[in-house]
């Protein structure tokens, strides 16, 4: 699904989940983004953005991060400013990973988990991870630059059982189809 006639500007990816029940180890999810060059849009990411990093030019960053899910509403937020992203990049893939320490978990183990991608007040994508319940990581959306230089979003919800580090290096290798 492509979105926006003139392309995307600044979007937010918002993530929520309920904290672990008392006595259980914390449930920790993270939004991740991988940026790909014009020269190799399906190769290795030029850079990754997650809870402990931001893009070199500041166009992709985490404005809110949670290690437990505690809080009201969406407890983790990543901003992507496509209207400022360098023309050296052709593609950005966004996903979510579940930390597997100390206990392996899948999206089916999470309660009240969900994702919302918005541009301003317009909802571009909402999902509750039920379609990837057996996965420990998932891509959410692919953002691509068209021939006129405008960015478009394509839903790309695909579960993975790779560990977080491996998932982040592989998440953009999947082609839409």
Protein backbone atom coordinates (compact mmCIF):
# COMPACT_ATOMS: atom_id res chain seq x y z
CA UNK A 1 0.00 0.00 0.00
CA UNK A 2 1.54 3.30 -1.03
CA UNK A 3 0.59 6.37 0.99
CA UNK A 4 0.58 10.07 0.20
CA UNK A 5 0.41 11.87 -3.17
CA UNK A 6 3.40 14.12 -2.49
CA UNK A 7 5.24 11.58 -0.39
CA UNK A 8 5.89 11.28 3.29
CA UNK A 9 7.38 13.95 5.53
CA UNK A 10 7.86 13.24 9.22
CA UNK A 11 6.31 10.06 10.55
CA UNK A 12 6.23 8.37 13.94
CA UNK A 13 6.30 4.69 14.75
CA UNK A 14 4.66 4.05 18.12
CA UNK A 15 4.87 0.80 20.10
CA UNK A 16 2.98 -0.38 23.18
CA UNK A 17 2.81 -3.52 25.30
CA UNK A 18 1.79 -4.41 28.83
CA UNK A 19 4.48 -4.91 31.47
CA UNK A 20 5.25 -8.38 32.79
CA UNK A 21 3.11 -9.75 35.61
CA UNK A 22 4.60 -9.38 39.09
CA UNK A 23 7.42 -11.87 39.63
CA UNK A 24 8.22 -12.31 35.91
CA UNK A 25 11.29 -10.86 34.22
CA UNK A 26 10.63 -7.66 32.23
CA UNK A 27 9.28 -7.86 28.69
CA UNK A 28 11.44 -5.64 26.48
CA UNK A 29 10.56 -4.77 22.88
CA UNK A 30 12.36 -2.33 20.58
CA UNK A 31 11.57 -0.47 17.38
CA UNK A 32 14.42 -0.78 14.87
CA UNK A 33 15.06 0.89 11.50
CA UNK A 34 17.52 -0.10 8.78
CA UNK A 35 18.54 2.35 6.06
CA UNK A 36 19.67 1.18 2.61
CA UNK A 37 21.64 3.01 -0.06
CA UNK A 38 20.56 3.84 -3.59
CA UNK A 39 23.42 1.62 -4.83
CA UNK A 40 22.34 -1.45 -2.82
CA UNK A 41 18.71 -1.14 -1.64
CA UNK A 42 18.48 -4.86 -0.67
CA UNK A 43 22.03 -5.36 0.61
CA UNK A 44 23.48 -4.63 4.02
CA UNK A 45 22.04 -1.64 5.87
CA UNK A 46 24.13 1.52 5.74
CA UNK A 47 23.14 2.11 9.35
CA UNK A 48 20.71 0.82 11.97
CA UNK A 49 18.73 2.90 14.43
CA UNK A 50 17.40 1.44 17.69
CA UNK A 51 17.10 2.35 21.37
CA UNK A 52 20.77 3.20 21.82
CA UNK A 53 21.45 5.07 18.57
CA UNK A 54 20.19 7.57 16.00
CA UNK A 55 20.95 8.25 12.36
CA UNK A 56 24.16 10.19 11.69
CA UNK A 57 22.18 13.20 10.41
CA UNK A 58 19.48 13.03 13.10
CA UNK A 59 16.63 12.26 10.69
CA UNK A 60 15.79 8.96 12.42
CA UNK A 61 15.79 8.80 16.22
CA UNK A 62 14.08 7.44 19.29
CA UNK A 63 12.15 10.07 21.22
CA UNK A 64 10.80 7.61 23.79
CA UNK A 65 12.12 4.23 24.95
CA UNK A 66 10.88 1.66 27.44
CA UNK A 67 12.58 -1.48 28.73
CA UNK A 68 9.48 -2.73 30.55
CA UNK A 69 6.32 -1.53 28.79
CA UNK A 70 5.36 0.50 31.87
CA UNK A 71 3.54 3.73 31.18
CA UNK A 72 0.38 4.93 29.50
CA UNK A 73 -0.35 4.25 25.85
CA UNK A 74 2.56 4.03 23.45
CA UNK A 75 5.74 3.73 25.52
CA UNK A 76 8.27 3.66 22.68
CA UNK A 77 8.37 6.13 19.76
CA UNK A 78 10.70 6.47 16.76
CA UNK A 79 10.59 9.51 14.47
CA UNK A 80 11.63 9.35 10.81
CA UNK A 81 11.98 12.58 8.83
CA UNK A 82 11.77 11.48 5.21
CA UNK A 83 11.57 15.06 3.98
CA UNK A 84 15.14 15.57 5.29
CA UNK A 85 16.67 12.15 4.56
CA UNK A 86 19.63 12.28 2.17
CA UNK A 87 19.09 11.33 -1.47
CA UNK A 88 21.85 8.72 -0.95
CA UNK A 89 19.20 6.47 0.61
CA UNK A 90 16.52 4.64 -1.36
CA UNK A 91 14.89 2.48 1.27
CA UNK A 92 14.19 2.25 5.01
CA UNK A 93 12.74 -0.84 6.69
CA UNK A 94 11.20 -0.60 10.16
CA UNK A 95 10.55 -3.51 12.50
CA UNK A 96 10.19 -4.61 16.11
CA UNK A 97 12.35 -7.07 18.05
CA UNK A 98 11.73 -8.77 21.39
CA UNK A 99 14.76 -9.10 23.65
CA UNK A 100 15.29 -12.79 24.38
CA UNK A 101 17.09 -12.45 27.72
CA UNK A 102 16.58 -13.88 30.24
CA UNK A 103 13.55 -15.76 28.81
CA UNK A 104 12.78 -16.39 25.12
CA UNK A 105 9.47 -14.75 24.10
CA UNK A 106 7.27 -14.31 21.06
CA UNK A 107 4.60 -11.75 20.19
CA UNK A 108 2.03 -14.30 21.36
CA UNK A 109 3.51 -13.97 24.86
CA UNK A 110 2.85 -10.22 24.90
CA UNK A 111 -0.42 -8.74 26.10
CA UNK A 112 -1.96 -5.56 24.71
CA UNK A 113 0.91 -5.17 22.24
CA UNK A 114 0.43 -2.94 19.24
CA UNK A 115 2.03 -0.68 16.70
CA UNK A 116 0.82 2.56 15.19
CA UNK A 117 2.52 4.44 12.35
CA UNK A 118 1.30 8.01 11.82
CA UNK A 119 2.08 11.09 9.80
CA UNK A 120 0.63 13.97 11.76
CA UNK A 121 -2.91 12.86 12.60
CA UNK A 122 -3.16 10.36 9.73
CA UNK A 123 -2.87 6.70 10.69
CA UNK A 124 -0.79 4.86 8.11
CA UNK A 125 -0.65 1.45 9.81
CA UNK A 126 -2.01 -0.21 12.94
CA UNK A 127 -1.35 -3.80 13.97
CA UNK A 128 -1.58 -5.97 17.10
CA UNK A 129 1.04 -8.59 16.08
CA UNK A 130 -1.56 -11.38 16.08
CA UNK A 131 -0.50 -12.36 12.55
CA UNK A 132 3.06 -12.95 13.76
CA UNK A 133 2.23 -14.43 17.20
CA UNK A 134 4.89 -17.15 16.94
CA UNK A 135 7.68 -14.76 15.93
CA UNK A 136 10.26 -13.02 18.11
CA UNK A 137 10.81 -10.17 15.61
CA UNK A 138 8.90 -8.69 12.69
CA UNK A 139 9.25 -6.18 9.93
CA UNK A 140 6.42 -3.64 9.88
CA UNK A 141 6.84 -1.36 6.91
CA UNK A 142 9.11 -0.57 4.03
CA UNK A 143 9.61 3.03 2.96
CA UNK A 144 10.89 3.62 -0.57
CA UNK A 145 11.79 6.67 -2.60
CA UNK A 146 10.09 6.85 -6.01
CA UNK A 147 11.56 8.29 -9.23
CA UNK A 148 10.33 11.77 -8.34
CA UNK A 149 12.10 11.62 -4.96
CA UNK A 150 8.95 11.19 -2.86
CA UNK A 151 8.84 8.61 -0.07
CA UNK A 152 6.03 6.04 0.06
CA UNK A 153 5.15 3.45 2.71
CA UNK A 154 4.35 -0.19 2.01
CA UNK A 155 3.02 -2.49 4.74
CA UNK A 156 5.46 -5.38 5.20
CA UNK A 157 4.49 -7.37 8.32
CA UNK A 158 6.63 -10.50 8.26
CA UNK A 159 7.62 -12.44 11.36
CA UNK A 160 11.07 -13.83 12.06
CA UNK A 161 12.56 -16.10 14.70
CA UNK A 162 16.10 -14.71 14.34
CA UNK A 163 17.82 -13.24 17.38
CA UNK A 164 17.67 -9.41 17.52
CA UNK A 165 21.19 -8.76 16.12
CA UNK A 166 20.75 -11.16 13.20
CA UNK A 167 17.24 -9.88 12.47
CA UNK A 168 18.45 -6.28 12.23
CA UNK A 169 21.14 -7.24 9.71
CA UNK A 170 18.69 -9.31 7.62
CA UNK A 171 15.39 -7.44 7.94
CA UNK A 172 15.73 -5.52 4.68
CA UNK A 173 16.69 -8.53 2.57
CA UNK A 174 13.01 -9.48 2.29
CA UNK A 175 11.41 -8.11 -0.85
CA UNK A 176 7.77 -7.20 -1.13
CA UNK A 177 5.79 -9.59 -3.16
